[in-house]
Amino acid sequence: MKVFITGATGSAVVAELLNSGHEVTGLVRSSDKAALTASGALALPGTLDDLELLRHAAKEADAVIHTAFNHDFSRFAESS
């Protein structure tokens, strides 16, 4: 199964998916790419703000798992 996951860097979910034989594409900030690809997943550099990228990645996948969180607490009131 093809799975797209946000918040993929260092994720135990990615490890479980790969160990179960799934093909994983993970959304990562570009600086996080090396760790994810070393695990055997495909890294997709981007952000949660890039809606077109997210739509495309989700459309290509059989399943989507959202584990990312925007840690910009200066805009917390706008996010809740």
PDB file of N, CA and C in Angstrom:
ATOM      1  N   MET A   1       0.832  -1.163   0.000  1.00  0.00           N
ATOM      2  CA  MET A   1       0.000   0.000   0.000  1.00  0.00           C
ATOM      3  C   MET A   1       0.888   1.240   0.000  1.00  0.00           C
ATOM      4  N   LYS A   2       0.499   2.257  -0.746  1.00  0.00           N
ATOM      5  CA  LYS A   2       1.213   3.534  -0.768  1.00  0.00           C
ATOM      6  C   LYS A   2       0.617   4.441   0.303  1.00  0.00           C
ATOM      7  N   VAL A   3       1.483   4.903   1.218  1.00  0.00           N
ATOM      8  CA  VAL A   3       1.024   5.731   2.329  1.00  0.00           C
ATOM      9  C   VAL A   3       1.756   7.064   2.303  1.00  0.00           C
ATOM     10  N   PHE A   4       0.998   8.145   2.419  1.00  0.00           N
ATOM     11  CA  PHE A   4       1.562   9.490   2.544  1.00  0.00           C
ATOM     12  C   PHE A   4       1.388   9.925   3.991  1.00  0.00           C
ATOM     13  N   ILE A   5       2.482  10.401   4.600  1.00  0.00           N
ATOM     14  CA  ILE A   5       2.429  10.805   6.004  1.00  0.00           C
ATOM     15  C   ILE A   5       3.057  12.179   6.177  1.00  0.00           C
ATOM     16  N   THR A   6       2.368  13.027   6.922  1.00  0.00           N
ATOM     17  CA  THR A   6       2.941  14.318   7.302  1.00  0.00           C
ATOM     18  C   THR A   6       3.634  14.125   8.643  1.00  0.00           C
ATOM     19  N   GLY A   7       4.599  14.990   8.928  1.00  0.00           N
ATOM     20  CA  GLY A   7       5.325  14.847  10.194  1.00  0.00           C
ATOM     21  C   GLY A   7       6.128  13.563  10.230  1.00  0.00           C
ATOM     22  N   ALA A   8       6.754  13.241   9.126  1.00  0.00           N
ATOM     23  CA  ALA A   8       7.384  11.936   8.965  1.00  0.00           C
ATOM     24  C   ALA A   8       8.749  11.788   9.619  1.00  0.00           C
ATOM     25  N   THR A   9       9.457  12.870   9.832  1.00  0.00           N
ATOM     26  CA  THR A   9      10.825  12.772  10.331  1.00  0.00           C
ATOM     27  C   THR A   9      10.867  12.181  11.730  1.00  0.00           C
ATOM     28  N   GLY A  10      11.625  11.117  11.903  1.00  0.00           N
ATOM     29  CA  GLY A  10      11.772  10.478  13.194  1.00  0.00           C
ATOM     30  C   GLY A  10      10.520   9.770  13.686  1.00  0.00           C
ATOM     31  N   SER A  11       9.596   9.521  12.796  1.00  0.00           N
ATOM     32  CA  SER A  11       8.307   8.959  13.190  1.00  0.00           C
ATOM     33  C   SER A  11       8.366   7.445  13.368  1.00  0.00           C
ATOM     34  N   ALA A  12       7.869   6.981  14.502  1.00  0.00           N
ATOM     35  CA  ALA A  12       7.743   5.543  14.730  1.00  0.00           C
ATOM     36  C   ALA A  12       6.700   4.950  13.791  1.00  0.00           C
ATOM     37  N   VAL A  13       5.757   5.771  13.367  1.00  0.00           N
ATOM     38  CA  VAL A  13       4.727   5.315  12.426  1.00  0.00           C
ATOM     39  C   VAL A  13       5.373   4.938  11.097  1.00  0.00           C
ATOM     40  N   VAL A  14       6.315   5.749  10.629  1.00  0.00           N
ATOM     41  CA  VAL A  14       7.016   5.445   9.376  1.00  0.00           C
ATOM     42  C   VAL A  14       7.741   4.112   9.497  1.00  0.00           C
ATOM     43  N   ALA A  15       8.435   3.907  10.591  1.00  0.00           N
ATOM     44  CA  ALA A  15       9.165   2.653  10.801  1.00  0.00           C
ATOM     45  C   ALA A  15       8.218   1.456  10.766  1.00  0.00           C
ATOM     46  N   GLU A  16       7.089   1.562  11.431  1.00  0.00           N
ATOM     47  CA  GLU A  16       6.106   0.468  11.448  1.00  0.00           C
ATOM     48  C   GLU A  16       5.560   0.194  10.046  1.00  0.00           C
ATOM     49  N   LEU A  17       5.268   1.258   9.314  1.00  0.00           N
ATOM     50  CA  LEU A  17       4.748   1.084   7.951  1.00  0.00           C
ATOM     51  C   LEU A  17       5.771   0.394   7.055  1.00  0.00           C
ATOM     52  N   LEU A  18       7.022   0.845   7.132  1.00  0.00           N
ATOM     53  CA  LEU A  18       8.078   0.239   6.314  1.00  0.00           C
ATOM     54  C   LEU A  18       8.300  -1.216   6.705  1.00  0.00           C
ATOM     55  N   ASN A  19       8.303  -1.504   7.993  1.00  0.00           N
ATOM     56  CA  ASN A  19       8.497  -2.882   8.471  1.00  0.00           C
ATOM     57  C   ASN A  19       7.360  -3.796   8.041  1.00  0.00           C
ATOM     58  N   SER A  20       6.205  -3.208   7.784  1.00  0.00           N
ATOM     59  CA  SER A  20       5.042  -3.989   7.336  1.00  0.00           C
ATOM     60  C   SER A  20       4.967  -4.088   5.813  1.00  0.00           C
ATOM     61  N   GLY A  21       5.975  -3.535   5.133  1.00  0.00           N
ATOM     62  CA  GLY A  21       6.058  -3.678   3.688  1.00  0.00           C
ATOM     63  C   GLY A  21       5.359  -2.603   2.876  1.00  0.00           C
ATOM     64  N   HIS A  22       4.961  -1.514   3.505  1.00  0.00           N
ATOM     65  CA  HIS A  22       4.285  -0.445   2.782  1.00  0.00           C
ATOM     66  C   HIS A  22       5.297   0.494   2.121  1.00  0.00           C
ATOM     67  N   GLU A  23       4.852   1.166   1.077  1.00  0.00           N
ATOM     68  CA  GLU A  23       5.649   2.184   0.393  1.00  0.00           C
ATOM     69  C   GLU A  23       5.264   3.522   1.015  1.00  0.00           C
ATOM     70  N   VAL A  24       6.236   4.207   1.622  1.00  0.00           N
ATOM     71  CA  VAL A  24       5.950   5.408   2.391  1.00  0.00           C
ATOM     72  C   VAL A  24       6.565   6.640   1.747  1.00  0.00           C
ATOM     73  N   THR A  25       5.738   7.678   1.606  1.00  0.00           N
ATOM     74  CA  THR A  25       6.204   8.998   1.210  1.00  0.00           C
ATOM     75  C   THR A  25       5.909   9.924   2.370  1.00  0.00           C
ATOM     76  N   GLY A  26       6.937  10.625   2.838  1.00  0.00           N
ATOM     77  CA  GLY A  26       6.769  11.480   4.009  1.00  0.00           C
ATOM     78  C   GLY A  26       7.039  12.933   3.708  1.00  0.00           C
ATOM     79  N   LEU A  27       6.154  13.792   4.168  1.00  0.00           N
ATOM     80  CA  LEU A  27       6.344  15.233   4.061  1.00  0.00           C
ATOM     81  C   LEU A  27       7.397  15.652   5.077  1.00  0.00           C
ATOM     82  N   VAL A  28       8.430  16.326   4.608  1.00  0.00           N
ATOM     83  CA  VAL A  28       9.513  16.781   5.485  1.00  0.00           C
ATOM     84  C   VAL A  28       9.945  18.178   5.093  1.00  0.00           C
ATOM     85  N   ARG A  29      10.445  18.902   6.078  1.00  0.00           N
ATOM     86  CA  ARG A  29      11.145  20.135   5.729  1.00  0.00           C
ATOM     87  C   ARG A  29      12.432  19.696   5.062  1.00  0.00           C
ATOM     88  N   SER A  30      12.903  20.399   4.095  1.00  0.00           N
ATOM     89  CA  SER A  30      14.026  19.945   3.266  1.00  0.00           C
ATOM     90  C   SER A  30      15.249  19.522   4.084  1.00  0.00           C
ATOM     91  N   SER A  31      15.491  20.157   5.215  1.00  0.00           N
ATOM     92  CA  SER A  31      16.669  19.803   6.013  1.00  0.00           C
ATOM     93  C   SER A  31      16.522  18.451   6.698  1.00  0.00           C
ATOM     94  N   ASP A  32      15.299  17.922   6.763  1.00  0.00           N
ATOM     95  CA  ASP A  32      15.051  16.643   7.426  1.00  0.00           C
ATOM     96  C   ASP A  32      15.123  15.451   6.473  1.00  0.00           C
ATOM     97  N   LYS A  33      15.353  15.693   5.226  1.00  0.00           N
ATOM     98  CA  LYS A  33      15.235  14.698   4.166  1.00  0.00           C
ATOM     99  C   LYS A  33      16.146  13.480   4.338  1.00  0.00           C
ATOM    100  N   ALA A  34      17.384  13.683   4.724  1.00  0.00           N
ATOM    101  CA  ALA A  34      18.361  12.587   4.762  1.00  0.00           C
ATOM    102  C   ALA A  34      17.952  11.464   5.699  1.00  0.00           C
ATOM    103  N   ALA A  35      17.461  11.806   6.866  1.00  0.00           N
ATOM    104  CA  ALA A  35      17.090  10.766   7.842  1.00  0.00           C
ATOM    105  C   ALA A  35      15.951   9.905   7.327  1.00  0.00           C
ATOM    106  N   LEU A  36      14.991  10.508   6.671  1.00  0.00           N
ATOM    107  CA  LEU A  36      13.846   9.746   6.180  1.00  0.00           C
ATOM    108  C   LEU A  36      14.243   8.833   5.030  1.00  0.00           C
ATOM    109  N   THR A  37      15.008   9.337   4.083  1.00  0.00           N
ATOM    110  CA  THR A  37      15.404   8.499   2.948  1.00  0.00           C
ATOM    111  C   THR A  37      16.323   7.364   3.394  1.00  0.00           C
ATOM    112  N   ALA A  38      17.114   7.583   4.422  1.00  0.00           N
ATOM    113  CA  ALA A  38      17.978   6.522   4.943  1.00  0.00           C
ATOM    114  C   ALA A  38      17.148   5.374   5.510  1.00  0.00           C
ATOM    115  N   SER A  39      15.943   5.676   5.972  1.00  0.00           N
ATOM    116  CA  SER A  39      15.082   4.640   6.529  1.00  0.00           C
ATOM    117  C   SER A  39      14.400   3.800   5.456  1.00  0.00           C
ATOM    118  N   GLY A  40      14.435   4.291   4.207  1.00  0.00           N
ATOM    119  CA  GLY A  40      13.810   3.555   3.115  1.00  0.00           C
ATOM    120  C   GLY A  40      12.540   4.188   2.592  1.00  0.00           C
ATOM    121  N   ALA A  41      12.158   5.322   3.146  1.00  0.00           N
ATOM    122  CA  ALA A  41      10.966   6.029   2.683  1.00  0.00           C
ATOM    123  C   ALA A  41      11.373   7.087   1.655  1.00  0.00           C
ATOM    124  N   LEU A  42      10.393   7.580   0.936  1.00  0.00           N
ATOM    125  CA  LEU A  42      10.611   8.673  -0.009  1.00  0.00           C
ATOM    126  C   LEU A  42      10.299   9.974   0.702  1.00  0.00           C
ATOM    127  N   ALA A  43      11.222  10.932   0.649  1.00  0.00           N
ATOM    128  CA  ALA A  43      11.013  12.225   1.296  1.00  0.00           C
ATOM    129  C   ALA A  43      10.423  13.207   0.302  1.00  0.00           C
ATOM    130  N   LEU A  44       9.383  13.897   0.720  1.00  0.00           N
ATOM    131  CA  LEU A  44       8.744  14.924  -0.096  1.00  0.00           C
ATOM    132  C   LEU A  44       8.912  16.254   0.632  1.00  0.00           C
ATOM    133  N   PRO A  45       9.877  17.074   0.208  1.00  0.00           N
ATOM    134  CA  PRO A  45      10.094  18.361   0.876  1.00  0.00           C
ATOM    135  C   PRO A  45       8.895  19.287   0.671  1.00  0.00           C
ATOM    136  N   GLY A  46       8.462  19.904   1.757  1.00  0.00           N
ATOM    137  CA  GLY A  46       7.347  20.837   1.670  1.00  0.00           C
ATOM    138  C   GLY A  46       6.873  21.237   3.049  1.00  0.00           C
ATOM    139  N   THR A  47       5.754  21.965   3.061  1.00  0.00           N
ATOM    140  CA  THR A  47       5.176  22.420   4.325  1.00  0.00           C
ATOM    141  C   THR A  47       3.670  22.172   4.326  1.00  0.00           C
ATOM    142  N   LEU A  48       3.078  22.311   5.483  1.00  0.00           N
ATOM    143  CA  LEU A  48       1.632  22.158   5.609  1.00  0.00           C
ATOM    144  C   LEU A  48       0.885  23.300   4.923  1.00  0.00           C
ATOM    145  N   ASP A  49       1.582  24.365   4.605  1.00  0.00           N
ATOM    146  CA  ASP A  49       0.964  25.505   3.931  1.00  0.00           C
ATOM    147  C   ASP A  49       0.854  25.310   2.427  1.00  0.00           C
ATOM    148  N   ASP A  50       1.540  24.329   1.875  1.00  0.00           N
ATOM    149  CA  ASP A  50       1.526  24.081   0.423  1.00  0.00           C
ATOM    150  C   ASP A  50       0.377  23.132   0.079  1.00  0.00           C
ATOM    151  N   LEU A  51      -0.813  23.677  -0.045  1.00  0.00           N
ATOM    152  CA  LEU A  51      -2.010  22.854  -0.244  1.00  0.00           C
ATOM    153  C   LEU A  51      -1.983  22.066  -1.546  1.00  0.00           C
ATOM    154  N   GLU A  52      -1.418  22.621  -2.592  1.00  0.00           N
ATOM    155  CA  GLU A  52      -1.358  21.896  -3.866  1.00  0.00           C
ATOM    156  C   GLU A  52      -0.463  20.667  -3.742  1.00  0.00           C
ATOM    157  N   LEU A  53       0.663  20.806  -3.082  1.00  0.00           N
ATOM    158  CA  LEU A  53       1.562  19.681  -2.847  1.00  0.00           C
ATOM    159  C   LEU A  53       0.865  18.598  -2.017  1.00  0.00           C
ATOM    160  N   LEU A  54       0.166  19.011  -0.971  1.00  0.00           N
ATOM    161  CA  LEU A  54      -0.547  18.058  -0.119  1.00  0.00           C
ATOM    162  C   LEU A  54      -1.644  17.331  -0.898  1.00  0.00           C
ATOM    163  N   ARG A  55      -2.394  18.066  -1.712  1.00  0.00           N
ATOM    164  CA  ARG A  55      -3.449  17.441  -2.520  1.00  0.00           C
ATOM    165  C   ARG A  55      -2.873  16.392  -3.462  1.00  0.00           C
ATOM    166  N   HIS A  56      -1.794  16.759  -4.130  1.00  0.00           N
ATOM    167  CA  HIS A  56      -1.174  15.840  -5.091  1.00  0.00           C
ATOM    168  C   HIS A  56      -0.661  14.583  -4.391  1.00  0.00           C
ATOM    169  N   ALA A  57       0.039  14.760  -3.275  1.00  0.00           N
ATOM    170  CA  ALA A  57       0.587  13.610  -2.544  1.00  0.00           C
ATOM    171  C   ALA A  57      -0.531  12.710  -2.030  1.00  0.00           C
ATOM    172  N   ALA A  58      -1.592  13.296  -1.529  1.00  0.00           N
ATOM    173  CA  ALA A  58      -2.716  12.507  -1.027  1.00  0.00           C
ATOM    174  C   ALA A  58      -3.415  11.757  -2.153  1.00  0.00           C
ATOM    175  N   LYS A  59      -3.512  12.382  -3.294  1.00  0.00           N
ATOM    176  CA  LYS A  59      -4.162  11.759  -4.451  1.00  0.00           C
ATOM    177  C   LYS A  59      -3.378  10.538  -4.947  1.00  0.00           C
ATOM    178  N   GLU A  60      -2.062  10.589  -4.823  1.00  0.00           N
ATOM    179  CA  GLU A  60      -1.198   9.500  -5.279  1.00  0.00           C
ATOM    180  C   GLU A  60      -1.154   8.330  -4.293  1.00  0.00           C
ATOM    181  N   ALA A  61      -1.632   8.541  -3.082  1.00  0.00           N
ATOM    182  CA  ALA A  61      -1.529   7.529  -2.026  1.00  0.00           C
ATOM    183  C   ALA A  61      -2.823   6.735  -1.875  1.00  0.00           C
ATOM    184  N   ASP A  62      -2.661   5.552  -1.302  1.00  0.00           N
ATOM    185  CA  ASP A  62      -3.823   4.739  -0.928  1.00  0.00           C
ATOM    186  C   ASP A  62      -4.343   5.141   0.445  1.00  0.00           C
ATOM    187  N   ALA A  63      -3.453   5.704   1.268  1.00  0.00           N
ATOM    188  CA  ALA A  63      -3.819   6.119   2.622  1.00  0.00           C
ATOM    189  C   ALA A  63      -3.006   7.346   2.999  1.00  0.00           C
ATOM    190  N   VAL A  64      -3.581   8.182   3.866  1.00  0.00           N
ATOM    191  CA  VAL A  64      -2.907   9.380   4.356  1.00  0.00           C
ATOM    192  C   VAL A  64      -2.944   9.364   5.882  1.00  0.00           C
ATOM    193  N   ILE A  65      -1.790   9.649   6.480  1.00  0.00           N
ATOM    194  CA  ILE A  65      -1.699   9.753   7.937  1.00  0.00           C
ATOM    195  C   ILE A  65      -1.135  11.133   8.256  1.00  0.00           C
ATOM    196  N   HIS A  66      -1.861  11.891   9.060  1.00  0.00           N
ATOM    197  CA  HIS A  66      -1.450  13.257   9.398  1.00  0.00           C
ATOM    198  C   HIS A  66      -0.949  13.302  10.835  1.00  0.00           C
ATOM    199  N   THR A  67       0.377  13.481  10.995  1.00  0.00           N
ATOM    200  CA  THR A  67       0.958  13.570  12.335  1.00  0.00           C
ATOM    201  C   THR A  67       1.714  14.870  12.550  1.00  0.00           C
ATOM    202  N   ALA A  68       1.734  15.747  11.552  1.00  0.00           N
ATOM    203  CA  ALA A  68       2.481  17.002  11.659  1.00  0.00           C
ATOM    204  C   ALA A  68       1.726  18.019  12.502  1.00  0.00           C
ATOM    205  N   PHE A  69       2.483  18.967  13.029  1.00  0.00           N
ATOM    206  CA  PHE A  69       1.911  20.047  13.814  1.00  0.00           C
ATOM    207  C   PHE A  69       2.721  21.303  13.564  1.00  0.00           C
ATOM    208  N   ASN A  70       2.052  22.407  13.345  1.00  0.00           N
ATOM    209  CA  ASN A  70       2.729  23.687  13.162  1.00  0.00           C
ATOM    210  C   ASN A  70       3.063  24.253  14.539  1.00  0.00           C
ATOM    211  N   HIS A  71       4.326  24.355  14.831  1.00  0.00           N
ATOM    212  CA  HIS A  71       4.776  24.779  16.164  1.00  0.00           C
ATOM    213  C   HIS A  71       4.936  26.290  16.298  1.00  0.00           C
ATOM    214  N   ASP A  72       4.266  27.068  15.461  1.00  0.00           N
ATOM    215  CA  ASP A  72       4.359  28.528  15.521  1.00  0.00           C
ATOM    216  C   ASP A  72       3.380  29.047  16.577  1.00  0.00           C
ATOM    217  N   PHE A  73       3.817  29.072  17.822  1.00  0.00           N
ATOM    218  CA  PHE A  73       2.932  29.479  18.911  1.00  0.00           C
ATOM    219  C   PHE A  73       2.663  30.985  18.928  1.00  0.00           C
ATOM    220  N   SER A  74       3.385  31.747  18.125  1.00  0.00           N
ATOM    221  CA  SER A  74       3.098  33.177  18.049  1.00  0.00           C
ATOM    222  C   SER A  74       1.758  33.420  17.355  1.00  0.00           C
ATOM    223  N   ARG A  75       1.269  32.405  16.617  1.00  0.00           N
ATOM    224  CA  ARG A  75      -0.023  32.508  15.925  1.00  0.00           C
ATOM    225  C   ARG A  75      -1.007  31.463  16.457  1.00  0.00           C
ATOM    226  N   PHE A  76      -0.832  31.042  17.713  1.00  0.00           N
ATOM    227  CA  PHE A  76      -1.639  29.973  18.284  1.00  0.00           C
ATOM    228  C   PHE A  76      -3.135  30.288  18.261  1.00  0.00           C
ATOM    229  N   ALA A  77      -3.508  31.501  18.599  1.00  0.00           N
ATOM    230  CA  ALA A  77      -4.927  31.882  18.639  1.00  0.00           C
ATOM    231  C   ALA A  77      -5.564  31.733  17.260  1.00  0.00           C
ATOM    232  N   GLU A  78      -4.822  32.032  16.211  1.00  0.00           N
ATOM    233  CA  GLU A  78      -5.344  31.903  14.836  1.00  0.00           C
ATOM    234  C   GLU A  78      -5.506  30.444  14.434  1.00  0.00           C
ATOM    235  N   SER A  79      -4.735  29.559  15.025  1.00  0.00           N
ATOM    236  CA  SER A  79      -4.733  28.149  14.646  1.00  0.00           C
ATOM    237  C   SER A  79      -5.780  27.326  15.383  1.00  0.00           C
ATOM    238  N   SER A  80      -6.306  27.835  16.472  1.00  0.00           N
ATOM    239  CA  SER A  80      -7.239  27.030  17.270  1.00  0.00           C
ATOM    240  C   SER A  80      -8.679  27.278  16.936  1.00  0.00           C
TER     241      SER A  80
END
